[in-house]
Protein backbone atom coordinates (compact mmCIF):
# COMPACT_ATOMS: atom_id res chain seq x y z
CA UNK A 1 119.59 -15.01 71.29
CA UNK A 2 118.75 -13.16 68.11
CA UNK A 3 119.87 -9.57 67.75
CA UNK A 4 117.02 -7.13 68.05
CA UNK A 5 115.91 -5.92 64.63
CA UNK A 6 115.74 -2.19 64.07
CA UNK A 7 112.37 -0.73 63.15
CA UNK A 8 111.81 -0.49 59.38
CA UNK A 9 112.10 3.00 57.89
CA UNK A 10 108.87 4.86 57.28
CA UNK A 11 107.71 5.40 53.70
CA UNK A 12 107.90 3.16 50.68
CA UNK A 13 110.14 0.10 50.64
CA UNK A 14 113.74 0.52 49.60
CA UNK A 15 114.65 -1.11 46.27
CA UNK A 16 116.52 -3.99 47.94
CA UNK A 17 113.49 -4.73 50.15
CA UNK A 18 111.26 -4.69 47.09
CA UNK A 19 113.53 -7.21 45.40
CA UNK A 20 113.40 -9.52 48.45
CA UNK A 21 109.76 -9.30 49.51
CA UNK A 22 107.71 -8.44 46.42
CA UNK A 23 109.56 -9.16 43.18
CA UNK A 24 109.63 -12.96 43.72
CA UNK A 25 105.88 -13.08 44.44
CA UNK A 26 103.94 -11.55 41.56
CA UNK A 27 101.22 -14.10 40.95
CA UNK A 28 100.78 -15.78 37.59
CA UNK A 29 103.05 -14.75 34.73
CA UNK A 30 101.16 -13.26 31.77
CA UNK A 31 102.80 -12.72 28.38
CA UNK A 32 100.82 -9.55 27.69
CA UNK A 33 102.47 -7.70 30.62
CA UNK A 34 104.95 -5.43 28.88
CA UNK A 35 106.00 -3.41 31.95
CA UNK A 36 105.55 -4.98 35.35
CA UNK A 37 106.36 -3.94 38.92
CA UNK A 38 109.94 -2.83 39.55
CA UNK A 39 111.54 -0.24 41.79
CA UNK A 40 111.57 2.99 39.82
CA UNK A 41 108.62 2.04 37.60
CA UNK A 42 105.59 4.25 38.24
CA UNK A 43 103.05 2.50 35.98
CA UNK A 44 102.49 -0.94 34.51
CA UNK A 45 101.74 -1.48 30.82
CA UNK A 46 99.69 -4.38 29.46
CA UNK A 47 99.20 -5.27 25.77
CA UNK A 48 95.51 -5.40 24.81
CA UNK A 49 95.96 -6.40 21.17
CA UNK A 50 95.30 -4.61 17.90
CA UNK A 51 98.18 -2.25 18.61
CA UNK A 52 96.68 -0.97 21.87
CA UNK A 53 97.99 -1.04 25.45
CA UNK A 54 96.65 -0.26 28.90
CA UNK A 55 98.71 1.62 31.51
CA UNK A 56 97.73 1.44 35.18
CA UNK A 57 99.03 2.48 38.58
CA UNK A 58 97.95 2.49 42.24
CA UNK A 59 98.88 4.88 45.05
CA UNK A 60 97.67 5.83 48.54
CA UNK A 61 95.26 8.73 48.99
CA UNK A 62 95.45 11.03 52.00
CA UNK A 63 93.66 13.59 54.09
CA UNK A 64 96.38 15.82 55.53
CA UNK A 65 95.00 18.15 58.23
CA UNK A 66 97.61 20.85 57.55
CA UNK A 67 96.46 21.09 53.93
CA UNK A 68 92.72 20.92 54.50
CA UNK A 69 90.12 18.58 53.06
CA UNK A 70 89.71 19.91 49.52
CA UNK A 71 93.42 20.48 48.94
CA UNK A 72 94.21 16.96 50.22
CA UNK A 73 91.71 15.46 47.80
CA UNK A 74 93.08 17.39 44.84
CA UNK A 75 96.64 16.45 45.80
CA UNK A 76 95.72 12.76 46.08
CA UNK A 77 94.14 12.73 42.63
CA UNK A 78 97.16 14.42 41.08
CA UNK A 79 99.64 12.08 42.79
CA UNK A 80 98.01 9.03 41.20
CA UNK A 81 97.56 10.78 37.84
CA UNK A 82 101.20 11.87 37.88
CA UNK A 83 102.37 8.26 38.14
CA UNK A 84 100.12 7.21 35.27
CA UNK A 85 101.28 10.07 33.04
CA UNK A 86 104.90 8.86 33.32
CA UNK A 87 103.83 5.98 31.06
CA UNK A 88 103.29 8.55 28.31
CA UNK A 89 99.56 7.78 28.29
CA UNK A 90 96.90 10.00 29.89
CA UNK A 91 94.63 8.52 32.57
CA UNK A 92 91.00 7.92 31.65
CA UNK A 93 89.50 5.74 34.42
CA UNK A 94 89.90 5.47 38.19
CA UNK A 95 88.88 3.13 40.98
CA UNK A 96 89.14 4.04 44.66
CA UNK A 97 89.08 2.08 47.92
CA UNK A 98 88.35 4.19 51.01
CA UNK A 99 89.31 2.79 54.43
CA UNK A 100 87.91 5.64 56.52
CA UNK A 101 88.74 6.30 60.17
CA UNK A 102 85.88 5.60 62.55
CA UNK A 103 85.68 9.22 63.69
CA UNK A 104 85.80 10.90 60.29
CA UNK A 105 82.62 12.99 60.03
CA UNK A 106 80.27 12.27 57.14
CA UNK A 107 80.36 15.94 56.15
CA UNK A 108 84.16 15.82 55.96
CA UNK A 109 84.08 12.72 53.77
CA UNK A 110 81.42 14.29 51.56
CA UNK A 111 83.65 17.36 51.09
CA UNK A 112 86.63 15.16 50.30
CA UNK A 113 84.78 13.05 47.73
CA UNK A 114 83.34 16.13 46.05
CA UNK A 115 86.79 17.71 45.72
CA UNK A 116 88.30 14.39 44.58
CA UNK A 117 85.64 14.12 41.87
CA UNK A 118 86.25 17.70 40.74
CA UNK A 119 89.97 16.99 40.44
CA UNK A 120 89.28 13.84 38.42
CA UNK A 121 87.03 15.84 36.11
CA UNK A 122 89.78 18.37 35.40
CA UNK A 123 92.13 15.45 34.67
CA UNK A 124 89.64 13.88 32.25
CA UNK A 125 89.23 10.81 34.45
CA UNK A 126 86.01 8.90 35.18
CA UNK A 127 85.59 7.17 38.55
CA UNK A 128 84.23 3.75 37.56
CA UNK A 129 84.44 1.46 40.62
CA UNK A 130 85.57 1.21 44.23
CA UNK A 131 84.81 0.39 47.83
CA UNK A 132 84.05 2.57 50.86
CA UNK A 133 84.01 1.58 54.51
CA UNK A 134 84.94 2.60 58.06
CA UNK A 135 87.42 0.49 59.98
CA UNK A 136 89.08 0.57 63.41
CA UNK A 137 92.71 1.53 63.82
CA UNK A 138 92.76 4.29 61.22
CA UNK A 139 94.85 6.99 62.89
CA UNK A 140 97.08 8.19 60.03
CA UNK A 141 96.55 10.62 57.18
CA UNK A 142 96.12 7.70 54.74
CA UNK A 143 92.45 6.98 54.04
CA UNK A 144 92.69 4.50 51.17
CA UNK A 145 94.14 3.96 47.74
CA UNK A 146 93.24 4.74 44.15
CA UNK A 147 94.05 3.16 40.81
CA UNK A 148 94.14 5.00 37.49
CA UNK A 149 94.06 3.45 34.04
CA UNK A 150 94.80 4.80 30.58
CA UNK A 151 94.62 3.28 27.12
CA UNK A 152 96.66 4.19 24.05
CA UNK A 153 98.71 3.07 21.08
CA UNK A 154 101.48 0.57 21.77
CA UNK A 155 104.03 2.78 20.02
CA UNK A 156 103.40 5.68 22.39
CA UNK A 157 104.01 4.25 25.85
CA UNK A 158 107.19 4.90 27.82
CA UNK A 159 109.13 2.86 30.38
CA UNK A 160 112.43 3.44 32.23
CA UNK A 161 114.01 0.63 30.20
CA UNK A 162 113.81 2.93 27.16
CA UNK A 163 116.40 5.37 28.55
CA UNK A 164 119.74 4.83 26.86
CA UNK A 165 123.30 6.12 26.90
CA UNK A 166 123.62 9.59 25.49
CA UNK A 167 120.23 10.77 26.72
CA UNK A 168 120.25 13.98 28.73
CA UNK A 169 118.62 14.06 32.17
CA UNK A 170 116.19 16.89 32.96
CA UNK A 171 114.74 17.70 36.40
CA UNK A 172 111.67 19.93 36.67
CA UNK A 173 110.89 22.28 39.57
CA UNK A 174 113.56 20.89 41.91
CA UNK A 175 114.10 19.34 45.31
CA UNK A 176 111.63 18.84 48.16
CA UNK A 177 108.63 20.42 46.43
CA UNK A 178 106.01 18.57 48.47
CA UNK A 179 108.05 18.75 51.68
CA UNK A 180 108.13 22.53 51.39
CA UNK A 181 104.47 22.80 50.36
CA UNK A 182 103.40 20.92 53.49
CA UNK A 183 105.80 22.88 55.70
CA UNK A 184 104.33 26.20 54.55
CA UNK A 185 100.97 25.13 55.97
CA UNK A 186 102.08 22.97 58.88
CA UNK A 187 104.36 25.51 60.60
CA UNK A 188 104.07 28.90 58.82
CA UNK A 189 105.24 30.84 61.88
CA UNK A 190 108.53 28.94 62.06
CA UNK A 191 109.06 29.16 58.32
CA UNK A 192 108.36 32.90 58.31
CA UNK A 193 111.46 33.33 60.48
CA UNK A 194 113.53 32.15 57.47
CA UNK A 195 111.60 33.72 54.58
CA UNK A 196 110.30 37.20 53.83
CA UNK A 197 106.70 37.86 52.80
CA UNK A 198 107.35 37.14 49.12
CA UNK A 199 109.16 33.92 50.03
CA UNK A 200 106.24 32.79 52.17
CA UNK A 201 103.84 33.51 49.32
CA UNK A 202 105.94 31.37 46.97
CA UNK A 203 106.15 28.61 49.58
CA UNK A 204 102.37 28.52 49.97
CA UNK A 205 101.94 28.42 46.17
CA UNK A 206 104.18 25.34 45.96
CA UNK A 207 101.13 23.19 46.69
CA UNK A 208 99.87 23.99 43.18
CA UNK A 209 103.09 22.48 41.79
CA UNK A 210 102.82 19.12 43.56
CA UNK A 211 101.96 17.30 40.34
CA UNK A 212 103.85 16.30 37.20
CA UNK A 213 100.77 16.00 35.00
CA UNK A 214 101.52 19.24 33.12
CA UNK A 215 105.23 18.37 32.94
CA UNK A 216 104.57 14.99 31.34
CA UNK A 217 101.92 16.34 29.01
CA UNK A 218 104.27 19.04 27.71
CA UNK A 219 107.13 16.60 27.12
CA UNK A 220 105.08 13.82 25.53
CA UNK A 221 103.84 16.28 22.90
CA UNK A 222 107.41 16.47 21.60
CA UNK A 223 107.41 12.81 20.67
CA UNK A 224 108.54 9.71 22.50
CA UNK A 225 111.40 7.23 22.19
CA UNK A 226 113.59 8.07 19.16
CA UNK A 227 111.51 11.20 18.53
CA UNK A 228 112.30 12.84 21.87
CA UNK A 229 111.48 11.68 25.40
CA UNK A 230 112.73 8.20 26.31
CA UNK A 231 111.71 7.87 29.99
CA UNK A 232 109.79 9.73 32.69
CA UNK A 233 109.95 9.15 36.45
CA UNK A 234 108.05 10.89 39.23
CA UNK A 235 110.31 11.99 42.12
CA UNK A 236 108.37 11.26 45.32
CA UNK A 237 109.64 9.56 48.48
CA UNK A 238 113.42 9.55 48.59
CA UNK A 239 113.60 12.91 46.85
CA UNK A 240 115.32 13.82 43.61
CA UNK A 241 118.45 11.81 44.35
CA UNK A 242 116.42 8.75 45.27
CA UNK A 243 114.44 9.09 42.03
CA UNK A 244 117.65 9.29 40.00
CA UNK A 245 118.91 6.08 41.61
CA UNK A 246 115.57 4.38 40.95
CA UNK A 247 115.68 5.45 37.31
CA UNK A 248 119.24 4.13 36.93
CA UNK A 249 118.28 0.77 38.44
CA UNK A 250 115.05 0.45 36.46
CA UNK A 251 116.75 1.32 33.16
CA UNK A 252 119.86 -0.78 33.74
CA UNK A 253 122.06 2.20 32.96
CA UNK A 254 124.24 4.56 34.97
CA UNK A 255 123.23 8.18 35.44
CA UNK A 256 125.79 10.96 35.90
CA UNK A 257 124.51 14.14 37.57
CA UNK A 258 126.00 17.33 38.95
CA UNK A 259 124.48 18.30 42.30
CA UNK A 260 125.01 22.01 41.58
CA UNK A 261 122.68 21.74 38.58
CA UNK A 262 119.79 20.23 40.53
CA UNK A 263 117.30 23.04 41.23
CA UNK A 264 116.75 23.92 44.89
CA UNK A 265 114.48 26.90 45.55
CA UNK A 266 115.11 29.15 48.57
CA UNK A 267 111.67 28.15 49.85
CA UNK A 268 112.45 24.43 49.74
CA UNK A 269 115.87 24.99 51.30
CA UNK A 270 114.35 27.01 54.16
CA UNK A 271 111.55 24.50 54.79
CA UNK A 272 113.98 21.58 54.92
CA UNK A 273 116.29 23.56 57.20
CA UNK A 274 113.42 24.03 59.67
CA UNK A 275 112.49 20.34 59.33
CA UNK A 276 116.16 19.47 59.85
CA UNK A 277 116.29 17.28 56.73
CA UNK A 278 118.36 17.01 53.55
CA UNK A 279 116.31 18.51 50.65
CA UNK A 280 117.99 16.32 48.04
CA UNK A 281 116.59 13.16 49.68
CA UNK A 282 113.28 14.60 50.91
CA UNK A 283 109.76 14.04 49.56
CA UNK A 284 109.75 15.74 46.15
CA UNK A 285 106.42 15.05 44.44
CA UNK A 286 106.12 17.70 41.75
CA UNK A 287 109.64 17.12 40.42
CA UNK A 288 109.86 15.07 37.22
CA UNK A 289 112.95 13.20 36.05
CA UNK A 290 113.01 12.98 32.24
CA UNK A 291 115.53 11.44 29.87
CA UNK A 292 115.58 13.06 26.44
CA UNK A 293 117.48 12.44 23.22
CA UNK A 294 120.29 15.01 23.06
CA UNK A 295 119.06 16.66 19.86
CA UNK A 296 115.63 17.30 21.46
CA UNK A 297 116.79 18.86 24.72
CA UNK A 298 116.29 22.44 23.56
CA UNK A 299 112.78 21.67 22.38
CA UNK A 300 112.02 19.90 25.68
CA UNK A 301 113.10 22.88 27.77
CA UNK A 302 111.14 25.22 25.51
CA UNK A 303 108.00 23.07 25.84
CA UNK A 304 108.28 23.12 29.62
CA UNK A 305 108.95 26.86 29.59
CA UNK A 306 105.77 27.46 27.62
CA UNK A 307 103.90 25.90 30.56
CA UNK A 308 105.89 28.03 33.06
CA UNK A 309 107.57 24.89 34.41
CA UNK A 310 111.13 25.46 35.61
CA UNK A 311 113.59 22.82 34.43
CA UNK A 312 117.32 22.16 34.23
CA UNK A 313 119.56 19.69 32.43
CA UNK A 314 121.41 18.04 35.31
CA UNK A 315 123.38 15.24 33.64
CA UNK A 316 123.29 12.34 31.21
CA UNK A 317 122.66 8.62 30.89
CA UNK A 318 125.71 6.38 30.58
CA UNK A 319 126.31 2.72 29.91
CA UNK A 320 126.38 0.81 33.18
CA UNK A 321 124.40 -1.39 35.52
CA UNK A 322 122.20 0.87 37.65
CA UNK A 323 124.34 3.39 39.52
CA UNK A 324 124.12 7.12 40.17
CA UNK A 325 127.37 9.06 39.80
CA UNK A 326 126.98 12.31 41.71
CA UNK A 327 129.50 15.11 41.17
CA UNK A 328 129.70 17.46 44.14
CA UNK A 329 130.44 21.20 43.79
CA UNK A 330 134.01 20.62 45.02
CA UNK A 331 134.63 18.06 42.26
CA UNK A 332 134.30 14.92 44.39
CA UNK A 333 132.33 12.11 42.78
CA UNK A 334 130.26 9.68 44.84
CA UNK A 335 128.60 6.50 43.63
CA UNK A 336 125.14 5.39 44.77
CA UNK A 337 123.25 2.14 44.24
CA UNK A 338 120.70 2.47 47.06
CA UNK A 339 118.73 5.58 48.06
CA UNK A 340 118.91 7.05 51.53
CA UNK A 341 115.76 6.66 53.68
CA UNK A 342 113.45 9.63 53.16
CA UNK A 343 113.92 11.93 56.18
CA UNK A 344 110.55 13.64 55.67
CA UNK A 345 108.31 11.17 57.48
CA UNK A 346 110.01 11.19 60.92
CA UNK A 347 110.43 14.98 60.63
CA UNK A 348 106.72 15.41 59.86
CA UNK A 349 105.78 13.14 62.76
CA UNK A 350 108.01 15.17 65.11
CA UNK A 351 106.46 18.45 63.96
CA UNK A 352 102.96 17.09 64.57
CA UNK A 353 103.85 15.60 67.98
CA UNK A 354 105.45 18.85 69.16
CA UNK A 355 102.65 21.04 67.82
CA UNK A 356 104.80 23.23 65.56
CA UNK A 357 103.08 26.32 64.30
């Protein structure tokens, strides 16, 4: 008899699963693909010719009841745009495929699409194609997927492979940004037992920070590659630590980080405490991992500060083969090659099932 297999973890595939199931099966090879799919790579880059490239990315879009229709639509647009911006190129075009639940009211969908369009407009993105339909079995918050595309000069795109030893590692905003933003709306009464009125106000405002569009825009203005920023990576599922491991693997370098330097707001810490999850591994959309040439670090922090974006230098890039070296506050050093499963999804499901308020 075969041993019973455990249920796969919720959320995106772990890097080793990606390497087994997806990486060997990528269709026809094309020489113009400069950056293809890899764990830790947020956007592909394709050479168009005449010194121009196209960056593109795809991500799910959601309608999360705790956030509301309009806020969900805005969040979905920014999540896809955030991934595209990590290429160093701004998004210009979008396609969307809606797989709507059977019971979703037409008025609700109309509100969602209107808000999604408004968010695209603020991002400078035109919706150019897509598909919309209703299908049985849709009982999750996911209602489809969107693709964004940007075009720019070949000398201006970024990829994780461009990070190199000596670069400093910057983290913006901190751990569990999206986890805390959802918690503030999903169970405000529970969270209010851990935070005062000002803390609750800051927790609710975290939803406005669940995007790295402004972060990327500020850093790219400094210059890319030898002129400043060498790589950008969006910390999403798997949290800040998971994103650091992904960056190390995708760049083929080691990354050395001090946990004590990684920002963790009181609001995120409280929300994760109520969820019962580790904030360093929890859903962290809104946090950007950036590698920057050492002589440009001061300018990078100043550029982020001008946009009121909190940021800290947490470590540096080393020669290596794709490991995270994490220094704990007591001086212990641990080594990581694989991220922990994101604890957010089962915690969110439990909160919904138990009707937390």
